[in-house]
C-alpha atoms as a PDB file:
ATOM      1  CA  MET A   1      21.457  30.500 -16.155  1.00  0.00           C
ATOM      2  CA  THR A   2      20.832  30.042 -19.676  1.00  0.00           C
ATOM      3  CA  GLU A   3      22.230  31.007 -23.192  1.00  0.00           C
ATOM      4  CA  GLU A   4      18.012  32.035 -24.047  1.00  0.00           C
ATOM      5  CA  ASP A   5      18.268  35.093 -21.379  1.00  0.00           C
ATOM      6  CA  THR A   6      17.877  38.129 -23.313  1.00  0.00           C
ATOM      7  CA  THR A   7      17.394  41.841 -22.949  1.00  0.00           C
ATOM      8  CA  ILE A   8      15.166  44.597 -24.821  1.00  0.00           C
ATOM      9  CA  GLY A   9      17.659  45.930 -27.263  1.00  0.00           C
ATOM     10  CA  ALA A  10      16.249  49.748 -26.174  1.00  0.00           C
ATOM     11  CA  ALA A  11      18.555  48.972 -23.490  1.00  0.00           C
ATOM     12  CA  ALA A  12      21.880  49.014 -25.879  1.00  0.00           C
ATOM     13  CA  SER A  13      20.228  52.446 -27.639  1.00  0.00           C
ATOM     14  CA  LEU A  14      20.189  53.914 -24.155  1.00  0.00           C
ATOM     15  CA  ILE A  15      23.769  52.988 -23.698  1.00  0.00           C
ATOM     16  CA  GLY A  16      24.832  54.299 -26.694  1.00  0.00           C
ATOM     17  CA  CYS A  17      23.112  58.096 -26.262  1.00  0.00           C
ATOM     18  CA  THR A  18      25.295  58.285 -23.017  1.00  0.00           C
ATOM     19  CA  LEU A  19      28.396  56.794 -24.760  1.00  0.00           C
ATOM     20  CA  ARG A  20      27.744  60.003 -27.201  1.00  0.00           C
ATOM     21  CA  ASP A  21      28.078  62.423 -23.943  1.00  0.00           C
ATOM     22  CA  TYR A  22      31.523  61.038 -22.921  1.00  0.00           C
ATOM     23  CA  GLY A  23      32.691  61.314 -26.597  1.00  0.00           C
ATOM     24  CA  ILE A  24      33.503  57.541 -26.965  1.00  0.00           C
ATOM     25  CA  SER A  25      32.759  55.163 -30.656  1.00  0.00           C
ATOM     26  CA  VAL A  26      29.155  54.151 -30.129  1.00  0.00           C
ATOM     27  CA  THR A  27      29.949  51.758 -33.063  1.00  0.00           C
ATOM     28  CA  ASP A  28      33.387  50.333 -31.502  1.00  0.00           C
ATOM     29  CA  VAL A  29      31.336  49.383 -28.250  1.00  0.00           C
ATOM     30  CA  PHE A  30      29.085  47.771 -30.057  1.00  0.00           C
ATOM     31  CA  ARG A  31      31.143  45.605 -31.704  1.00  0.00           C
ATOM     32  CA  ASP A  32      33.706  45.302 -29.125  1.00  0.00           C
ATOM     33  CA  ALA A  33      30.390  43.434 -26.846  1.00  0.00           C
ATOM     34  CA  GLY A  34      29.753  41.497 -29.829  1.00  0.00           C
ATOM     35  CA  LEU A  35      26.226  43.355 -31.171  1.00  0.00           C
ATOM     36  CA  ASP A  36      25.195  44.844 -34.063  1.00  0.00           C
ATOM     37  CA  PRO A  37      24.850  48.330 -33.685  1.00  0.00           C
ATOM     38  CA  GLU A  38      22.468  48.686 -36.875  1.00  0.00           C
ATOM     39  CA  ALA A  39      19.885  46.048 -35.740  1.00  0.00           C
ATOM     40  CA  ALA A  40      19.080  48.581 -31.908  1.00  0.00           C
ATOM     41  CA  ILE A  41      16.789  50.404 -33.710  1.00  0.00           C
ATOM     42  CA  ALA A  42      14.444  47.537 -34.849  1.00  0.00           C
ATOM     43  CA  ALA A  43      11.770  47.899 -32.321  1.00  0.00           C
ATOM     44  CA  ASP A  44      11.455  44.143 -31.468  1.00  0.00           C
ATOM     45  CA  VAL A  45      15.408  43.392 -31.195  1.00  0.00           C
ATOM     46  CA  ARG A  46      16.662  41.637 -28.482  1.00  0.00           C
ATOM     47  CA  TYR A  47      20.289  41.197 -27.462  1.00  0.00           C
ATOM     48  CA  PRO A  48      21.836  38.180 -25.215  1.00  0.00           C
ATOM     49  CA  PHE A  49      21.850  38.834 -21.612  1.00  0.00           C
ATOM     50  CA  GLU A  50      26.112  38.265 -21.536  1.00  0.00           C
ATOM     51  CA  LYS A  51      26.828  40.894 -24.248  1.00  0.00           C
ATOM     52  CA  MET A  52      24.676  43.196 -22.810  1.00  0.00           C
ATOM     53  CA  GLN A  53      26.592  42.834 -19.431  1.00  0.00           C
ATOM     54  CA  ARG A  54      29.772  43.184 -21.780  1.00  0.00           C
ATOM     55  CA  MET A  55      28.813  46.446 -22.989  1.00  0.00           C
ATOM     56  CA  TRP A  56      27.781  47.733 -19.556  1.00  0.00           C
ATOM     57  CA  ARG A  57      31.240  46.351 -18.655  1.00  0.00           C
ATOM     58  CA  LEU A  58      33.006  48.176 -21.557  1.00  0.00           C
ATOM     59  CA  ALA A  59      30.777  51.324 -20.882  1.00  0.00           C
ATOM     60  CA  VAL A  60      32.009  51.965 -17.743  1.00  0.00           C
ATOM     61  CA  GLU A  61      35.760  51.188 -18.873  1.00  0.00           C
ATOM     62  CA  ARG A  62      36.014  53.347 -21.524  1.00  0.00           C
ATOM     63  CA  SER A  63      33.600  56.473 -19.854  1.00  0.00           C
ATOM     64  CA  GLY A  64      35.766  55.954 -17.024  1.00  0.00           C
ATOM     65  CA  ASP A  65      32.675  56.649 -14.798  1.00  0.00           C
ATOM     66  CA  PRO A  66      31.724  54.515 -11.717  1.00  0.00           C
ATOM     67  CA  CYS A  67      28.262  55.826 -11.812  1.00  0.00           C
ATOM     68  CA  PHE A  68      27.723  55.306 -15.541  1.00  0.00           C
ATOM     69  CA  GLY A  69      24.396  53.371 -15.074  1.00  0.00           C
ATOM     70  CA  LEU A  70      22.658  56.990 -13.477  1.00  0.00           C
ATOM     71  CA  ALA A  71      23.752  58.566 -16.806  1.00  0.00           C
ATOM     72  CA  VAL A  72      22.100  56.020 -19.047  1.00  0.00           C
ATOM     73  CA  ALA A  73      19.053  56.520 -16.459  1.00  0.00           C
ATOM     74  CA  GLY A  74      18.973  60.191 -16.767  1.00  0.00           C
ATOM     75  CA  HIS A  75      18.216  59.317 -21.236  1.00  0.00           C
ATOM     76  CA  ILE A  76      15.170  57.205 -20.391  1.00  0.00           C
ATOM     77  CA  GLN A  77      12.181  58.239 -22.650  1.00  0.00           C
ATOM     78  CA  PRO A  78       8.899  56.332 -22.170  1.00  0.00           C
ATOM     79  CA  GLN A  79       8.748  54.921 -25.725  1.00  0.00           C
ATOM     80  CA  ALA A  80      12.260  53.112 -24.580  1.00  0.00           C
ATOM     81  CA  LEU A  81      10.199  50.396 -22.734  1.00  0.00           C
ATOM     82  CA  HIS A  82       7.736  49.983 -26.262  1.00  0.00           C
ATOM     83  CA  GLY A  83       4.346  49.397 -24.970  1.00  0.00           C
ATOM     84  CA  LEU A  84       5.525  49.152 -21.211  1.00  0.00           C
ATOM     85  CA  GLY A  85       6.527  52.518 -21.302  1.00  0.00           C
ATOM     86  CA  PHE A  86       3.201  54.010 -22.230  1.00  0.00           C
ATOM     87  CA  MET A  87       0.670  51.960 -20.325  1.00  0.00           C
ATOM     88  CA  TRP A  88       3.073  53.464 -17.296  1.00  0.00           C
ATOM     89  CA  LEU A  89       1.939  57.038 -18.110  1.00  0.00           C
ATOM     90  CA  SER A  90      -1.447  56.482 -18.922  1.00  0.00           C
ATOM     91  CA  SER A  91      -2.147  53.443 -15.797  1.00  0.00           C
ATOM     92  CA  ASP A  92      -4.729  55.168 -13.150  1.00  0.00           C
ATOM     93  CA  THR A  93      -2.179  55.168 -10.467  1.00  0.00           C
ATOM     94  CA  LEU A  94       1.394  54.715  -9.966  1.00  0.00           C
ATOM     95  CA  LEU A  95       0.632  51.083  -8.041  1.00  0.00           C
ATOM     96  CA  ASP A  96      -1.057  50.386 -11.261  1.00  0.00           C
ATOM     97  CA  ALA A  97       1.802  50.577 -13.095  1.00  0.00           C
ATOM     98  CA  LEU A  98       3.978  48.987 -10.736  1.00  0.00           C
ATOM     99  CA  GLU A  99       1.555  45.984 -11.013  1.00  0.00           C
ATOM    100  CA  ARG A 100       1.731  46.266 -14.847  1.00  0.00           C
ATOM    101  CA  LEU A 101       5.794  46.358 -14.526  1.00  0.00           C
ATOM    102  CA  VAL A 102       5.736  43.304 -12.481  1.00  0.00           C
ATOM    103  CA  LYS A 103       3.674  41.725 -14.990  1.00  0.00           C
ATOM    104  CA  TYR A 104       5.530  42.323 -18.107  1.00  0.00           C
ATOM    105  CA  GLN A 105       8.789  42.258 -16.674  1.00  0.00           C
ATOM    106  CA  ARG A 106      10.099  39.599 -19.329  1.00  0.00           C
ATOM    107  CA  MET A 107       9.660  42.816 -22.225  1.00  0.00           C
ATOM    108  CA  ILE A 108      13.023  44.531 -20.436  1.00  0.00           C
ATOM    109  CA  SER A 109      14.786  41.587 -19.243  1.00  0.00           C
ATOM    110  CA  THR A 110      14.367  37.454 -19.369  1.00  0.00           C
ATOM    111  CA  VAL A 111      16.400  37.420 -15.926  1.00  0.00           C
ATOM    112  CA  ALA A 112      14.591  39.967 -13.975  1.00  0.00           C
ATOM    113  CA  ASP A 113      12.850  39.211 -10.984  1.00  0.00           C
ATOM    114  CA  ILE A 114      10.817  42.074  -9.699  1.00  0.00           C
ATOM    115  CA  ARG A 115       8.189  42.120  -7.543  1.00  0.00           C
ATOM    116  CA  LEU A 116       6.003  44.176  -5.082  1.00  0.00           C
ATOM    117  CA  GLU A 117       5.267  43.835  -1.176  1.00  0.00           C
ATOM    118  CA  GLU A 118       3.257  45.351   0.650  1.00  0.00           C
ATOM    119  CA  GLN A 119       4.953  46.342   4.420  1.00  0.00           C
ATOM    120  CA  LYS A 120       2.777  47.821   7.178  1.00  0.00           C
ATOM    121  CA  GLU A 121       4.490  51.530   6.206  1.00  0.00           C
ATOM    122  CA  SER A 122       5.489  51.507   2.712  1.00  0.00           C
ATOM    123  CA  VAL A 123       5.351  49.382  -0.696  1.00  0.00           C
ATOM    124  CA  GLN A 124       8.377  48.081  -1.787  1.00  0.00           C
ATOM    125  CA  LEU A 125      10.016  47.165  -5.554  1.00  0.00           C
ATOM    126  CA  HIS A 126      12.126  44.305  -5.069  1.00  0.00           C
ATOM    127  CA  VAL A 127      14.532  44.396  -7.885  1.00  0.00           C
ATOM    128  CA  ASP A 128      16.031  41.144  -8.140  1.00  0.00           C
ATOM    129  CA  PHE A 129      17.992  38.598 -10.777  1.00  0.00           C
ATOM    130  CA  ARG A 130      17.869  35.306 -11.676  1.00  0.00           C
ATOM    131  CA  ARG A 131      21.564  35.360 -11.889  1.00  0.00           C
ATOM    132  CA  SER A 132      24.426  35.108  -9.625  1.00  0.00           C
ATOM    133  CA  THR A 133      25.395  38.808  -8.299  1.00  0.00           C
ATOM    134  CA  ALA A 134      28.782  37.740  -9.895  1.00  0.00           C
ATOM    135  CA  ASP A 135      27.220  38.422 -13.436  1.00  0.00           C
ATOM    136  CA  ILE A 136      25.609  41.654 -12.863  1.00  0.00           C
ATOM    137  CA  GLU A 137      27.114  44.605 -13.594  1.00  0.00           C
ATOM    138  CA  TYR A 138      26.604  47.212 -11.174  1.00  0.00           C
ATOM    139  CA  ALA A 139      25.972  49.614 -13.977  1.00  0.00           C
ATOM    140  CA  SER A 140      23.051  47.671 -15.098  1.00  0.00           C
ATOM    141  CA  LEU A 141      21.452  47.565 -11.698  1.00  0.00           C
ATOM    142  CA  ASP A 142      22.127  51.480 -11.363  1.00  0.00           C
ATOM    143  CA  ALA A 143      20.370  52.116 -14.761  1.00  0.00           C
ATOM    144  CA  ALA A 144      17.179  50.004 -13.839  1.00  0.00           C
ATOM    145  CA  VAL A 145      16.439  51.546 -10.688  1.00  0.00           C
ATOM    146  CA  GLY A 146      16.851  54.994 -11.894  1.00  0.00           C
ATOM    147  CA  VAL A 147      14.866  54.334 -15.106  1.00  0.00           C
ATOM    148  CA  PHE A 148      11.877  52.497 -12.704  1.00  0.00           C
ATOM    149  CA  VAL A 149      12.282  56.072 -10.652  1.00  0.00           C
ATOM    150  CA  ASN A 150      12.682  58.370 -13.418  1.00  0.00           C
ATOM    151  CA  MET A 151       9.739  56.716 -14.978  1.00  0.00           C
ATOM    152  CA  CYS A 152       7.369  57.690 -11.797  1.00  0.00           C
ATOM    153  CA  ARG A 153       8.698  61.288 -12.352  1.00  0.00           C
ATOM    154  CA  ILE A 154       7.463  61.433 -15.943  1.00  0.00           C
ATOM    155  CA  ALA A 155       4.174  60.420 -14.904  1.00  0.00           C
ATOM    156  CA  THR A 156       3.716  62.219 -12.448  1.00  0.00           C
ATOM    157  CA  CYS A 157       5.143  65.742 -13.584  1.00  0.00           C
ATOM    158  CA  GLU A 158       8.231  65.122 -11.416  1.00  0.00           C
ATOM    159  CA  THR A 159       6.651  65.283  -7.786  1.00  0.00           C
ATOM    160  CA  PHE A 160       7.316  61.991  -6.969  1.00  0.00           C
ATOM    161  CA  ASN A 161      10.324  60.894  -4.763  1.00  0.00           C
ATOM    162  CA  PRO A 162      11.032  57.618  -3.292  1.00  0.00           C
ATOM    163  CA  VAL A 163      11.062  57.082   0.552  1.00  0.00           C
ATOM    164  CA  ARG A 164      14.372  54.902   0.649  1.00  0.00           C
ATOM    165  CA  LEU A 165      16.989  53.195  -1.900  1.00  0.00           C
ATOM    166  CA  SER A 166      18.489  49.831  -0.864  1.00  0.00           C
ATOM    167  CA  LEU A 167      21.067  48.766  -2.857  1.00  0.00           C
ATOM    168  CA  GLU A 168      23.398  45.703  -2.818  1.00  0.00           C
ATOM    169  CA  ARG A 169      26.043  47.239  -4.781  1.00  0.00           C
ATOM    170  CA  PRO A 170      29.051  48.432  -2.601  1.00  0.00           C
ATOM    171  CA  ARG A 171      29.452  52.240  -2.126  1.00  0.00           C
ATOM    172  CA  PRO A 172      31.046  53.526  -4.907  1.00  0.00           C
ATOM    173  CA  ASP A 173      33.027  57.051  -4.862  1.00  0.00           C
ATOM    174  CA  CYS A 174      30.449  58.892  -6.571  1.00  0.00           C
ATOM    175  CA  ALA A 175      28.025  57.632  -3.839  1.00  0.00           C
ATOM    176  CA  GLU A 176      26.830  61.710  -3.699  1.00  0.00           C
ATOM    177  CA  ARG A 177      25.201  61.199  -7.199  1.00  0.00           C
ATOM    178  CA  PHE A 178      22.496  58.285  -5.938  1.00  0.00           C
ATOM    179  CA  GLU A 179      21.262  60.947  -3.895  1.00  0.00           C
ATOM    180  CA  ASP A 180      20.963  63.544  -5.977  1.00  0.00           C
ATOM    181  CA  LEU A 181      19.130  61.316  -8.505  1.00  0.00           C
ATOM    182  CA  PHE A 182      17.103  59.805  -6.226  1.00  0.00           C
ATOM    183  CA  ARG A 183      16.647  62.933  -3.596  1.00  0.00           C
ATOM    184  CA  SER A 184      16.024  60.075  -0.931  1.00  0.00           C
ATOM    185  CA  PRO A 185      18.190  58.156   1.569  1.00  0.00           C
ATOM    186  CA  VAL A 186      20.148  55.517  -0.151  1.00  0.00           C
ATOM    187  CA  GLU A 187      21.838  52.559   1.536  1.00  0.00           C
ATOM    188  CA  PHE A 188      24.689  50.678   0.073  1.00  0.00           C
ATOM    189  CA  GLY A 189      25.697  46.921   0.496  1.00  0.00           C
ATOM    190  CA  ALA A 190      22.140  45.948   2.169  1.00  0.00           C
ATOM    191  CA  ALA A 191      21.262  42.378   1.523  1.00  0.00           C
ATOM    192  CA  ALA A 192      18.734  43.280  -1.513  1.00  0.00           C
ATOM    193  CA  ASN A 193      17.905  45.598  -3.876  1.00  0.00           C
ATOM    194  CA  ILE A 194      14.579  47.805  -3.321  1.00  0.00           C
ATOM    195  CA  ILE A 195      13.152  50.588  -3.728  1.00  0.00           C
ATOM    196  CA  ASP A 196      10.509  52.121  -0.511  1.00  0.00           C
ATOM    197  CA  PHE A 197       7.019  54.305  -1.958  1.00  0.00           C
ATOM    198  CA  ASP A 198       5.069  56.301   0.088  1.00  0.00           C
ATOM    199  CA  PRO A 199       1.740  53.796  -0.099  1.00  0.00           C
ATOM    200  CA  VAL A 200      -0.254  57.203  -0.688  1.00  0.00           C
ATOM    201  CA  GLN A 201       1.663  58.487  -2.851  1.00  0.00           C
ATOM    202  CA  LEU A 202       1.506  55.323  -5.080  1.00  0.00           C
ATOM    203  CA  ARG A 203      -2.493  55.468  -4.887  1.00  0.00           C
ATOM    204  CA  GLU A 204      -3.108  59.292  -6.334  1.00  0.00           C
ATOM    205  CA  PRO A 205      -4.754  59.675  -9.502  1.00  0.00           C
ATOM    206  CA  LEU A 206      -1.596  59.911 -12.491  1.00  0.00           C
ATOM    207  CA  PRO A 207      -1.789  63.109 -14.563  1.00  0.00           C
ATOM    208  CA  GLY A 208      -2.205  61.196 -17.955  1.00  0.00           C
ATOM    209  CA  ALA A 209      -4.448  58.729 -16.776  1.00  0.00           C
ATOM    210  CA  ASN A 210      -6.230  57.027 -19.534  1.00  0.00           C
ATOM    211  CA  PRO A 211      -7.821  53.806 -18.989  1.00  0.00           C
ATOM    212  CA  GLU A 212      -8.371  52.790 -22.855  1.00  0.00           C
ATOM    213  CA  LEU A 213      -5.160  53.689 -23.985  1.00  0.00           C
ATOM    214  CA  ALA A 214      -3.610  51.732 -21.206  1.00  0.00           C
ATOM    215  CA  ARG A 215      -5.488  48.706 -21.976  1.00  0.00           C
ATOM    216  CA  ALA A 216      -4.584  49.123 -25.727  1.00  0.00           C
ATOM    217  CA  ASN A 217      -0.684  48.978 -24.669  1.00  0.00           C
ATOM    218  CA  ASP A 218      -1.768  46.470 -22.446  1.00  0.00           C
ATOM    219  CA  GLN A 219      -2.322  44.642 -25.892  1.00  0.00           C
ATOM    220  CA  VAL A 220       1.218  45.761 -27.656  1.00  0.00           C
ATOM    221  CA  VAL A 221       2.906  44.702 -25.129  1.00  0.00           C
ATOM    222  CA  ILE A 222       0.917  40.941 -24.849  1.00  0.00           C
ATOM    223  CA  ASP A 223       1.725  40.776 -28.468  1.00  0.00           C
ATOM    224  CA  TYR A 224       5.357  41.192 -28.546  1.00  0.00           C
ATOM    225  CA  LEU A 225       5.807  38.708 -25.712  1.00  0.00           C
ATOM    226  CA  GLY A 226       3.834  36.478 -27.667  1.00  0.00           C
ATOM    227  CA  ARG A 227       5.830  37.049 -30.906  1.00  0.00           C
ATOM    228  CA  PHE A 228       8.619  36.651 -28.351  1.00  0.00           C
ATOM    229  CA  ASP A 229       7.616  33.120 -27.039  1.00  0.00           C
ATOM    230  CA  ARG A 230       6.820  31.454 -30.457  1.00  0.00           C
ATOM    231  CA  GLU A 231      10.404  32.584 -31.891  1.00  0.00           C
ATOM    232  CA  ASN A 232      12.350  31.036 -28.879  1.00  0.00           C
ATOM    233  CA  ILE A 233      11.589  27.216 -28.290  1.00  0.00           C
ATOM    234  CA  SER A 234      13.621  27.876 -24.858  1.00  0.00           C
ATOM    235  CA  MET A 235      10.698  29.951 -23.627  1.00  0.00           C
ATOM    236  CA  GLN A 236       8.269  27.214 -24.700  1.00  0.00           C
ATOM    237  CA  VAL A 237      10.049  24.298 -23.311  1.00  0.00           C
ATOM    238  CA  ARG A 238       9.889  26.197 -19.686  1.00  0.00           C
ATOM    239  CA  SER A 239       6.303  27.381 -19.903  1.00  0.00           C
ATOM    240  CA  ARG A 240       5.850  23.784 -20.581  1.00  0.00           C
ATOM    241  CA  LEU A 241       7.822  22.373 -18.116  1.00  0.00           C
ATOM    242  CA  ILE A 242       5.921  25.224 -15.478  1.00  0.00           C
ATOM    243  CA  GLU A 243       2.733  23.530 -16.534  1.00  0.00           C
ATOM    244  CA  LEU A 244       3.394  19.944 -16.207  1.00  0.00           C
ATOM    245  CA  LEU A 245       6.208  19.312 -13.503  1.00  0.00           C
ATOM    246  CA  PRO A 246       3.428  19.103 -10.735  1.00  0.00           C
ATOM    247  CA  GLY A 247       2.329  15.812 -12.292  1.00  0.00           C
ATOM    248  CA  GLY A 248       6.036  14.637 -11.960  1.00  0.00           C
ATOM    249  CA  GLN A 249       9.557  14.822 -13.897  1.00  0.00           C
ATOM    250  CA  PRO A 250       8.237  15.310 -17.286  1.00  0.00           C
ATOM    251  CA  SER A 251      10.680  13.869 -19.964  1.00  0.00           C
ATOM    252  CA  GLN A 252      12.113  15.031 -23.321  1.00  0.00           C
ATOM    253  CA  LYS A 253       9.416  13.136 -25.137  1.00  0.00           C
ATOM    254  CA  ASP A 254       6.446  14.624 -23.268  1.00  0.00           C
ATOM    255  CA  ILE A 255       7.662  18.734 -23.800  1.00  0.00           C
ATOM    256  CA  ALA A 256       8.227  17.741 -27.488  1.00  0.00           C
ATOM    257  CA  GLY A 257       4.939  16.167 -27.881  1.00  0.00           C
ATOM    258  CA  SER A 258       3.021  19.133 -26.149  1.00  0.00           C
ATOM    259  CA  LEU A 259       4.769  21.381 -28.632  1.00  0.00           C
ATOM    260  CA  ASN A 260       3.766  19.459 -31.519  1.00  0.00           C
ATOM    261  CA  LEU A 261       7.681  18.330 -32.299  1.00  0.00           C
ATOM    262  CA  SER A 262       9.738  15.200 -32.574  1.00  0.00           C
ATOM    263  CA  VAL A 263      12.394  14.779 -30.166  1.00  0.00           C
ATOM    264  CA  ARG A 264      14.710  14.988 -32.674  1.00  0.00           C
ATOM    265  CA  ASN A 265      13.447  18.440 -34.107  1.00  0.00           C
ATOM    266  CA  LEU A 266      13.129  19.909 -30.663  1.00  0.00           C
ATOM    267  CA  GLN A 267      16.946  18.673 -29.804  1.00  0.00           C
ATOM    268  CA  ARG A 268      17.969  20.695 -32.637  1.00  0.00           C
ATOM    269  CA  ARG A 269      16.173  23.605 -32.140  1.00  0.00           C
ATOM    270  CA  LEU A 270      17.344  24.011 -28.465  1.00  0.00           C
ATOM    271  CA  GLN A 271      20.756  23.097 -29.547  1.00  0.00           C
ATOM    272  CA  ALA A 272      20.846  26.608 -31.959  1.00  0.00           C
ATOM    273  CA  GLU A 273      20.281  28.530 -28.847  1.00  0.00           C
ATOM    274  CA  GLY A 274      22.844  27.050 -26.800  1.00  0.00           C
ATOM    275  CA  ILE A 275      21.044  25.109 -24.368  1.00  0.00           C
ATOM    276  CA  SER A 276      19.887  21.308 -23.696  1.00  0.00           C
ATOM    277  CA  PHE A 277      16.906  19.648 -22.244  1.00  0.00           C
ATOM    278  CA  LYS A 278      18.489  18.600 -19.250  1.00  0.00           C
ATOM    279  CA  ARG A 279      20.091  22.257 -18.457  1.00  0.00           C
ATOM    280  CA  LEU A 280      16.926  23.828 -18.990  1.00  0.00           C
ATOM    281  CA  LEU A 281      14.800  21.367 -16.623  1.00  0.00           C
ATOM    282  CA  ASP A 282      17.710  21.999 -14.278  1.00  0.00           C
ATOM    283  CA  ASP A 283      17.524  25.755 -14.398  1.00  0.00           C
ATOM    284  CA  THR A 284      13.766  25.615 -14.598  1.00  0.00           C
ATOM    285  CA  ARG A 285      13.552  24.000 -11.454  1.00  0.00           C
ATOM    286  CA  LYS A 286      16.351  26.068  -9.624  1.00  0.00           C
ATOM    287  CA  ASP A 287      14.404  29.292 -10.420  1.00  0.00           C
ATOM    288  CA  LEU A 288      11.018  28.548  -9.365  1.00  0.00           C
ATOM    289  CA  ALA A 289      12.770  26.891  -6.264  1.00  0.00           C
ATOM    290  CA  ALA A 290      14.146  30.277  -5.497  1.00  0.00           C
ATOM    291  CA  GLN A 291      10.885  31.838  -5.906  1.00  0.00           C
ATOM    292  CA  TYR A 292       8.731  29.635  -4.133  1.00  0.00           C
ATOM    293  CA  ILE A 293      10.507  29.312  -1.208  1.00  0.00           C
ATOM    294  CA  ARG A 294      10.617  33.354  -0.952  1.00  0.00           C
ATOM    295  CA  ASP A 295       6.799  32.948  -0.243  1.00  0.00           C
ATOM    296  CA  SER A 296       6.960  31.740   3.211  1.00  0.00           C
ATOM    297  CA  HIS A 297       3.101  30.384   2.853  1.00  0.00           C
ATOM    298  CA  ARG A 298       4.481  27.181   0.730  1.00  0.00           C
ATOM    299  CA  ARG A 299       5.575  24.861   2.315  1.00  0.00           C
ATOM    300  CA  ILE A 300       8.577  22.488   1.646  1.00  0.00           C
ATOM    301  CA  GLY A 301       6.371  19.640   0.973  1.00  0.00           C
ATOM    302  CA  GLU A 302       3.919  21.294  -1.327  1.00  0.00           C
ATOM    303  CA  ILE A 303       6.999  23.205  -3.431  1.00  0.00           C
ATOM    304  CA  THR A 304       8.841  19.471  -3.558  1.00  0.00           C
ATOM    305  CA  TYR A 305       5.250  18.414  -5.459  1.00  0.00           C
ATOM    306  CA  LEU A 306       5.403  21.864  -7.767  1.00  0.00           C
ATOM    307  CA  LEU A 307       8.604  20.932  -8.857  1.00  0.00           C
ATOM    308  CA  GLY A 308       8.583  17.521  -9.841  1.00  0.00           C
ATOM    309  CA  PHE A 309      10.210  15.723  -6.902  1.00  0.00           C
ATOM    310  CA  SER A 310       9.117  12.570  -5.628  1.00  0.00           C
ATOM    311  CA  GLU A 311      10.596  13.141  -2.245  1.00  0.00           C
ATOM    312  CA  PRO A 312      11.417  16.163  -0.034  1.00  0.00           C
ATOM    313  CA  SER A 313      14.950  14.678   0.223  1.00  0.00           C
ATOM    314  CA  ASN A 314      15.302  14.304  -3.442  1.00  0.00           C
ATOM    315  CA  PHE A 315      14.466  18.215  -3.630  1.00  0.00           C
ATOM    316  CA  THR A 316      16.634  19.277  -0.489  1.00  0.00           C
ATOM    317  CA  ARG A 317      19.979  17.745  -2.375  1.00  0.00           C
ATOM    318  CA  ALA A 318      19.008  19.724  -5.540  1.00  0.00           C
ATOM    319  CA  PHE A 319      18.442  22.563  -3.787  1.00  0.00           C
ATOM    320  CA  ARG A 320      21.596  22.505  -2.162  1.00  0.00           C
ATOM    321  CA  ARG A 321      23.482  21.759  -5.007  1.00  0.00           C
ATOM    322  CA  TRP A 322      22.117  24.630  -6.773  1.00  0.00           C
ATOM    323  CA  THR A 323      22.566  27.010  -3.971  1.00  0.00           C
ATOM    324  CA  GLY A 324      24.607  25.588  -1.378  1.00  0.00           C
ATOM    325  CA  VAL A 325      22.598  26.207   1.306  1.00  0.00           C
ATOM    326  CA  SER A 326      19.377  23.785   2.273  1.00  0.00           C
ATOM    327  CA  PRO A 327      15.988  25.343   1.603  1.00  0.00           C
ATOM    328  CA  ASN A 328      15.409  26.202   5.202  1.00  0.00           C
ATOM    329  CA  GLU A 329      18.407  28.024   5.204  1.00  0.00           C
ATOM    330  CA  PHE A 330      17.495  29.516   2.084  1.00  0.00           C
ATOM    331  CA  ARG A 331      14.102  31.110   3.441  1.00  0.00           C
ATOM    332  CA  GLN A 332      15.754  32.432   6.687  1.00  0.00           C
ATOM    333  CA  ARG A 333      18.405  34.390   4.667  1.00  0.00           C
ATOM    334  CA  SER A 334      15.793  35.717   2.105  1.00  0.00           C
END
């Protein structure tokens, strides 16, 4: 993936709050992770994904707690998620809140790949990442699912429990703390990270439902993401690539022109973010390919077209280079 990936700064603040419970110097952990501790209080601050993962790793090591992520989830307050947190509480139902989470997930992290799927007897929230599993610290995943469950409890006045939880991470020595927190069966070493919800409970009215407040916070989040996208040239290029790829592979000149930039200026700004146009094009195609192939209704020919490849064989070769398997093999495993 790319250097432009970022995580909301409040995640670092929550780690800091939790470190204090263990008597650990928050400033030292921030600095050893390469992060500015003073910047964490700014509402719009975002930290690079790699440095945040380093912070998670340091926090687990120095606390000596393999379940540190669960402790972080216990510190969650709605304001930590910016407008998304207040939007969650003021949504009509938990289903509405989760749909907003999926819609605005980039606010939390640009590596997030969160989606809802309706099954016969449950609604599933899949919590994935556009990264190799090796790049993800288990504590950050534990915290993410813990935060989502705790936000549901805050919204329902503590009446919520998930039906079950599935996690890709191996079973830790502190596994009983997972069942204590989630109050439901937890499967470790699973094929995917999934929170199963009771569909009836998801559709029950929330006590704090307030459509006007929810819409107001929708706009707060939209404005936040708009500021973020304007400042981040990589995200602008990615957006243009997604828009133009169905018409064939766009050139760097095409993208620069669509952004009212010269090719040289585009190259300079991308370089400042630690990424090249070629790498960004390849990463964007890779990310989209994985999303499209998980959709069983899309045919390989359609995906080839959407990604700007001239022939299915060209797409298949590229996909095998990205993942080590063919598109059909990947679909069967997903």
